[in-house]
C-alpha atoms as a PDB file:
ATOM      1  CA  MET A   1     -32.408  31.498 -61.824  1.00  0.00           C
ATOM      2  CA  SER A   2     -31.263  28.978 -59.254  1.00  0.00           C
ATOM      3  CA  ASP A   3     -29.892  30.074 -55.895  1.00  0.00           C
ATOM      4  CA  ALA A   4     -27.683  26.962 -55.666  1.00  0.00           C
ATOM      5  CA  ALA A   5     -24.435  26.395 -57.535  1.00  0.00           C
ATOM      6  CA  ILE A   6     -21.961  23.717 -58.504  1.00  0.00           C
ATOM      7  CA  LEU A   7     -18.412  24.999 -58.953  1.00  0.00           C
ATOM      8  CA  CYS A   8     -15.891  23.117 -61.093  1.00  0.00           C
ATOM      9  CA  VAL A   9     -12.174  23.918 -60.961  1.00  0.00           C
ATOM     10  CA  ASP A  10      -9.681  22.550 -63.482  1.00  0.00           C
ATOM     11  CA  ASP A  11      -6.795  24.115 -65.386  1.00  0.00           C
ATOM     12  CA  GLU A  12      -7.773  22.219 -68.551  1.00  0.00           C
ATOM     13  CA  VAL A  13     -10.390  24.042 -70.633  1.00  0.00           C
ATOM     14  CA  THR A  14     -11.502  20.805 -72.311  1.00  0.00           C
ATOM     15  CA  VAL A  15     -12.286  19.214 -68.930  1.00  0.00           C
ATOM     16  CA  LEU A  16     -14.347  22.246 -67.901  1.00  0.00           C
ATOM     17  CA  ALA A  17     -16.193  22.181 -71.239  1.00  0.00           C
ATOM     18  CA  SER A  18     -17.023  18.488 -70.745  1.00  0.00           C
ATOM     19  CA  LEU A  19     -18.245  19.089 -67.208  1.00  0.00           C
ATOM     20  CA  LYS A  20     -20.355  22.036 -68.350  1.00  0.00           C
ATOM     21  CA  SER A  21     -22.110  20.128 -71.133  1.00  0.00           C
ATOM     22  CA  GLN A  22     -22.665  17.064 -68.936  1.00  0.00           C
ATOM     23  CA  LEU A  23     -24.002  19.039 -65.971  1.00  0.00           C
ATOM     24  CA  GLN A  24     -26.374  21.007 -68.181  1.00  0.00           C
ATOM     25  CA  ARG A  25     -27.592  17.828 -69.864  1.00  0.00           C
ATOM     26  CA  LEU A  26     -28.028  15.979 -66.551  1.00  0.00           C
ATOM     27  CA  PHE A  27     -29.503  18.721 -64.349  1.00  0.00           C
ATOM     28  CA  GLY A  28     -30.715  21.441 -66.727  1.00  0.00           C
ATOM     29  CA  ARG A  29     -31.516  24.708 -64.973  1.00  0.00           C
ATOM     30  CA  GLN A  30     -31.774  23.097 -61.553  1.00  0.00           C
ATOM     31  CA  TYR A  31     -28.419  24.636 -60.525  1.00  0.00           C
ATOM     32  CA  LEU A  32     -26.056  27.404 -61.509  1.00  0.00           C
ATOM     33  CA  TYR A  33     -22.784  26.096 -62.913  1.00  0.00           C
ATOM     34  CA  GLU A  34     -19.577  28.037 -62.408  1.00  0.00           C
ATOM     35  CA  PHE A  35     -16.149  27.191 -63.790  1.00  0.00           C
ATOM     36  CA  ALA A  36     -12.656  28.289 -62.812  1.00  0.00           C
ATOM     37  CA  GLN A  37      -9.237  27.455 -64.258  1.00  0.00           C
ATOM     38  CA  SER A  38      -7.346  27.898 -60.978  1.00  0.00           C
ATOM     39  CA  ALA A  39      -7.857  27.980 -57.237  1.00  0.00           C
ATOM     40  CA  GLU A  40      -7.355  31.756 -57.327  1.00  0.00           C
ATOM     41  CA  GLU A  41     -10.114  32.169 -59.908  1.00  0.00           C
ATOM     42  CA  ALA A  42     -12.330  29.828 -57.882  1.00  0.00           C
ATOM     43  CA  TRP A  43     -11.915  32.010 -54.771  1.00  0.00           C
ATOM     44  CA  GLU A  44     -13.039  35.037 -56.810  1.00  0.00           C
ATOM     45  CA  LEU A  45     -16.148  33.131 -57.921  1.00  0.00           C
ATOM     46  CA  ILE A  46     -16.840  31.955 -54.372  1.00  0.00           C
ATOM     47  CA  GLY A  47     -16.746  35.583 -53.212  1.00  0.00           C
ATOM     48  CA  GLU A  48     -19.083  36.681 -56.015  1.00  0.00           C
ATOM     49  CA  LEU A  49     -21.545  33.861 -55.336  1.00  0.00           C
ATOM     50  CA  GLU A  50     -21.527  34.620 -51.621  1.00  0.00           C
ATOM     51  CA  ALA A  51     -22.182  38.310 -52.337  1.00  0.00           C
ATOM     52  CA  GLU A  52     -25.196  37.276 -54.422  1.00  0.00           C
ATOM     53  CA  SER A  53     -26.437  34.914 -51.657  1.00  0.00           C
ATOM     54  CA  ILE A  54     -26.006  31.898 -53.924  1.00  0.00           C
ATOM     55  CA  LYS A  55     -25.279  28.705 -51.986  1.00  0.00           C
ATOM     56  CA  ILE A  56     -22.433  26.586 -53.337  1.00  0.00           C
ATOM     57  CA  LEU A  57     -23.485  22.964 -52.941  1.00  0.00           C
ATOM     58  CA  ILE A  58     -20.514  21.140 -54.431  1.00  0.00           C
ATOM     59  CA  ILE A  59     -17.003  22.000 -55.551  1.00  0.00           C
ATOM     60  CA  VAL A  60     -15.425  19.566 -58.000  1.00  0.00           C
ATOM     61  CA  SER A  61     -11.705  20.289 -58.195  1.00  0.00           C
ATOM     62  CA  ASP A  62      -8.847  18.866 -60.191  1.00  0.00           C
ATOM     63  CA  TRP A  63      -5.828  17.848 -58.153  1.00  0.00           C
ATOM     64  CA  LEU A  64      -2.886  18.791 -60.382  1.00  0.00           C
ATOM     65  CA  MET A  65      -3.159  22.532 -61.006  1.00  0.00           C
ATOM     66  CA  PRO A  66      -0.598  25.343 -61.095  1.00  0.00           C
ATOM     67  CA  ASN A  67       0.198  27.180 -57.833  1.00  0.00           C
ATOM     68  CA  VAL A  68      -2.292  25.407 -55.531  1.00  0.00           C
ATOM     69  CA  LYS A  69      -3.023  21.678 -55.733  1.00  0.00           C
ATOM     70  CA  GLY A  70      -6.604  20.498 -55.420  1.00  0.00           C
ATOM     71  CA  ASP A  71      -6.226  18.917 -51.988  1.00  0.00           C
ATOM     72  CA  GLU A  72      -4.851  22.199 -50.591  1.00  0.00           C
ATOM     73  CA  PHE A  73      -7.635  24.214 -52.226  1.00  0.00           C
ATOM     74  CA  LEU A  74     -10.371  21.877 -50.976  1.00  0.00           C
ATOM     75  CA  THR A  75      -8.899  21.962 -47.468  1.00  0.00           C
ATOM     76  CA  GLN A  76      -9.004  25.768 -47.501  1.00  0.00           C
ATOM     77  CA  VAL A  77     -12.596  25.675 -48.763  1.00  0.00           C
ATOM     78  CA  HIS A  78     -13.613  23.210 -46.057  1.00  0.00           C
ATOM     79  CA  GLN A  79     -12.056  25.376 -43.337  1.00  0.00           C
ATOM     80  CA  GLN A  80     -14.132  28.380 -44.419  1.00  0.00           C
ATOM     81  CA  PHE A  81     -17.249  26.622 -45.731  1.00  0.00           C
ATOM     82  CA  PRO A  82     -17.630  23.237 -43.992  1.00  0.00           C
ATOM     83  CA  LYS A  83     -21.055  22.567 -45.541  1.00  0.00           C
ATOM     84  CA  ILE A  84     -19.813  22.626 -49.145  1.00  0.00           C
ATOM     85  CA  VAL A  85     -19.355  19.093 -50.497  1.00  0.00           C
ATOM     86  CA  THR A  86     -15.808  18.624 -51.805  1.00  0.00           C
ATOM     87  CA  VAL A  87     -14.960  16.295 -54.672  1.00  0.00           C
ATOM     88  CA  MET A  88     -11.581  15.709 -56.277  1.00  0.00           C
ATOM     89  CA  LEU A  89     -11.485  15.026 -60.010  1.00  0.00           C
ATOM     90  CA  THR A  90      -8.152  13.588 -61.002  1.00  0.00           C
ATOM     91  CA  GLY A  91      -6.144  11.358 -63.207  1.00  0.00           C
ATOM     92  CA  GLN A  92      -2.919  11.897 -61.308  1.00  0.00           C
ATOM     93  CA  ALA A  93      -3.448  12.382 -57.569  1.00  0.00           C
ATOM     94  CA  ASP A  94      -1.471  10.029 -55.415  1.00  0.00           C
ATOM     95  CA  GLU A  95      -3.125   8.150 -52.578  1.00  0.00           C
ATOM     96  CA  ALA A  96      -1.450  10.375 -49.976  1.00  0.00           C
ATOM     97  CA  ALA A  97      -3.042  13.493 -51.494  1.00  0.00           C
ATOM     98  CA  ILE A  98      -6.446  11.826 -51.632  1.00  0.00           C
ATOM     99  CA  GLU A  99      -6.160  10.649 -48.034  1.00  0.00           C
ATOM    100  CA  ARG A 100      -5.018  14.122 -46.945  1.00  0.00           C
ATOM    101  CA  ALA A 101      -8.093  15.609 -48.647  1.00  0.00           C
ATOM    102  CA  ARG A 102     -10.324  13.029 -46.914  1.00  0.00           C
ATOM    103  CA  GLN A 103      -8.893  14.008 -43.541  1.00  0.00           C
ATOM    104  CA  GLU A 104      -8.507  17.761 -43.955  1.00  0.00           C
ATOM    105  CA  ALA A 105     -11.140  18.713 -46.538  1.00  0.00           C
ATOM    106  CA  ASN A 106     -13.834  16.173 -45.620  1.00  0.00           C
ATOM    107  CA  LEU A 107     -13.482  14.889 -49.195  1.00  0.00           C
ATOM    108  CA  TYR A 108     -16.762  13.315 -50.270  1.00  0.00           C
ATOM    109  CA  THR A 109     -15.270  11.293 -53.105  1.00  0.00           C
ATOM    110  CA  CYS A 110     -12.586  11.149 -55.725  1.00  0.00           C
ATOM    111  CA  LEU A 111     -13.777  10.953 -59.321  1.00  0.00           C
ATOM    112  CA  ARG A 112     -11.112   9.533 -61.634  1.00  0.00           C
ATOM    113  CA  LYS A 113     -10.405  10.907 -65.098  1.00  0.00           C
ATOM    114  CA  PRO A 114     -11.754   9.874 -67.492  1.00  0.00           C
ATOM    115  CA  TRP A 115     -15.116   9.739 -65.758  1.00  0.00           C
ATOM    116  CA  THR A 116     -18.455   8.780 -67.258  1.00  0.00           C
ATOM    117  CA  GLU A 117     -21.560  10.938 -67.305  1.00  0.00           C
ATOM    118  CA  GLU A 118     -23.296   8.297 -65.193  1.00  0.00           C
ATOM    119  CA  GLU A 119     -20.531   8.466 -62.539  1.00  0.00           C
ATOM    120  CA  LEU A 120     -20.886  12.254 -62.445  1.00  0.00           C
ATOM    121  CA  LYS A 121     -24.675  12.033 -62.042  1.00  0.00           C
ATOM    122  CA  GLN A 122     -24.496   9.373 -59.322  1.00  0.00           C
ATOM    123  CA  MET A 123     -21.869  11.344 -57.393  1.00  0.00           C
ATOM    124  CA  ILE A 124     -23.861  14.590 -57.463  1.00  0.00           C
ATOM    125  CA  ASP A 125     -27.189  12.920 -56.669  1.00  0.00           C
ATOM    126  CA  SER A 126     -25.615  10.986 -53.789  1.00  0.00           C
ATOM    127  CA  ALA A 127     -23.749  14.001 -52.385  1.00  0.00           C
ATOM    128  CA  LEU A 128     -26.829  16.214 -52.497  1.00  0.00           C
ATOM    129  CA  SER A 129     -29.099  13.607 -50.922  1.00  0.00           C
ATOM    130  CA  GLU A 130     -26.667  13.278 -48.000  1.00  0.00           C
ATOM    131  CA  GLN A 131     -26.525  17.051 -47.625  1.00  0.00           C
ATOM    132  CA  LYS A 132     -30.270  17.380 -46.992  1.00  0.00           C
END
């Protein structure tokens, strides 16, 4: 089992299912993949992964979610875990939200819905190579 994880957060089950199948196809068992339908659920997973000494490499978060928007969530993550790469996945974020995430969450990139599998692979490969 890998000791490194990629966490995806989106309130749409179909988006999470697409990400799961694409990540598994692209990277196999190289990483653990975790999925949450809200920022609250993501925080629970982050706590569990931390307790198991599993390093979260990347968090890919939707912007438009109930209760906590993606830019707010990623900012909170960055404040507590500055080494985690933050990525926003969105079809609806306005430029102000994206810019706010760049400034406050050290946003690595914004992946637009619908994305391609190749875009997802390039983004993860690029983010991880910069992290080393």
